[in-house]
């Protein structure tokens, strides 16, 4: 059985990679996947702390975070498809041109 510090370290590394992906990349799908990576790293931290304290509260919270992430995927992909149909590109710099 691995110590909790390993899980927290992995969670921090995944969150950092996700944050770098959001800040550096220009493709909307890659940014979207980076946000999902950040949410999953937070889920890993919740589950590891729940395991450390022998409490199911963290795992229940993870269930709700996953439900919100699923709703985010549905709305986000719908927005990306709509932007692609309008601009024929999903470059973040061109989204600013959608102002009316």
Protein backbone atom coordinates (compact mmCIF):
# COMPACT_ATOMS: atom_id res chain seq x y z
CA UNK A 1 0.00 0.00 0.00
CA UNK A 2 1.45 3.35 -1.08
CA UNK A 3 1.62 6.32 1.29
CA UNK A 4 -0.82 9.17 0.75
CA UNK A 5 2.05 11.55 -0.06
CA UNK A 6 2.63 9.72 -3.35
CA UNK A 7 -0.97 10.24 -4.39
CA UNK A 8 -0.87 13.92 -3.41
CA UNK A 9 2.40 14.36 -5.30
CA UNK A 10 0.91 12.75 -8.41
CA UNK A 11 -2.15 14.95 -8.03
CA UNK A 12 0.02 18.07 -7.84
CA UNK A 13 1.99 17.03 -10.93
CA UNK A 14 -1.20 16.35 -12.91
CA UNK A 15 -2.71 19.67 -11.81
CA UNK A 16 0.44 21.52 -12.84
CA UNK A 17 0.44 19.84 -16.25
CA UNK A 18 -3.23 20.77 -16.69
CA UNK A 19 -2.62 24.38 -15.71
CA UNK A 20 0.32 24.62 -18.11
CA UNK A 21 -1.85 23.15 -20.85
CA UNK A 22 -4.50 25.82 -20.26
CA UNK A 23 -1.99 28.66 -20.19
CA UNK A 24 0.26 27.62 -23.09
CA UNK A 25 -1.93 25.95 -25.71
CA UNK A 26 -4.17 27.74 -28.22
CA UNK A 27 -6.34 24.83 -29.35
CA UNK A 28 -9.75 24.76 -27.65
CA UNK A 29 -9.88 20.96 -27.42
CA UNK A 30 -6.45 20.76 -25.77
CA UNK A 31 -7.46 23.47 -23.31
CA UNK A 32 -10.67 21.55 -22.63
CA UNK A 33 -8.72 18.34 -21.98
CA UNK A 34 -6.33 20.24 -19.70
CA UNK A 35 -9.25 21.47 -17.60
CA UNK A 36 -10.49 17.89 -17.31
CA UNK A 37 -6.99 16.82 -16.21
CA UNK A 38 -7.09 19.46 -13.49
CA UNK A 39 -10.49 18.24 -12.29
CA UNK A 40 -9.28 14.64 -12.20
CA UNK A 41 -6.18 15.61 -10.22
CA UNK A 42 -8.42 17.28 -7.65
CA UNK A 43 -10.51 14.09 -7.56
CA UNK A 44 -7.37 12.07 -6.87
CA UNK A 45 -6.51 14.36 -3.97
CA UNK A 46 -10.04 14.05 -2.55
CA UNK A 47 -9.98 10.27 -2.75
CA UNK A 48 -6.51 10.02 -1.20
CA UNK A 49 -7.48 12.26 1.73
CA UNK A 50 -10.71 10.31 2.16
CA UNK A 51 -8.67 7.12 2.32
CA UNK A 52 -6.26 8.69 4.82
CA UNK A 53 -9.04 9.74 7.19
CA UNK A 54 -11.22 6.64 6.56
CA UNK A 55 -14.13 8.89 5.60
CA UNK A 56 -16.47 8.52 2.62
CA UNK A 57 -17.12 12.28 2.38
CA UNK A 58 -14.27 12.82 -0.08
CA UNK A 59 -15.46 10.03 -2.34
CA UNK A 60 -19.01 11.39 -2.32
CA UNK A 61 -17.64 14.81 -3.24
CA UNK A 62 -15.71 13.21 -6.11
CA UNK A 63 -18.98 11.73 -7.39
CA UNK A 64 -20.51 15.21 -7.58
CA UNK A 65 -17.39 16.66 -9.22
CA UNK A 66 -17.59 13.94 -11.86
CA UNK A 67 -21.26 14.78 -12.48
CA UNK A 68 -20.39 18.45 -12.96
CA UNK A 69 -17.50 17.47 -15.24
CA UNK A 70 -19.87 15.40 -17.38
CA UNK A 71 -22.20 18.38 -17.73
CA UNK A 72 -19.21 20.56 -18.58
CA UNK A 73 -18.18 18.13 -21.30
CA UNK A 74 -21.62 18.26 -22.87
CA UNK A 75 -21.83 22.05 -22.86
CA UNK A 76 -18.18 22.60 -23.77
CA UNK A 77 -18.21 20.25 -26.73
CA UNK A 78 -21.45 21.82 -27.97
CA UNK A 79 -19.78 25.24 -27.84
CA UNK A 80 -16.68 23.97 -29.61
CA UNK A 81 -18.76 22.39 -32.39
CA UNK A 82 -20.79 25.58 -32.80
CA UNK A 83 -17.66 27.72 -32.99
CA UNK A 84 -16.12 25.32 -35.49
CA UNK A 85 -19.22 25.48 -37.69
CA UNK A 86 -19.14 29.28 -37.57
CA UNK A 87 -15.41 29.98 -37.97
CA UNK A 88 -14.12 26.69 -39.47
CA UNK A 89 -11.41 26.73 -36.82
CA UNK A 90 -11.23 26.21 -33.08
CA UNK A 91 -8.34 28.60 -32.48
CA UNK A 92 -8.84 30.52 -29.25
CA UNK A 93 -7.61 33.79 -30.79
CA UNK A 94 -10.47 33.77 -33.30
CA UNK A 95 -13.15 33.31 -30.65
CA UNK A 96 -12.69 36.95 -29.67
CA UNK A 97 -14.13 37.89 -33.09
CA UNK A 98 -17.55 36.48 -32.15
CA UNK A 99 -18.49 39.71 -30.37
CA UNK A 100 -21.57 41.25 -31.94
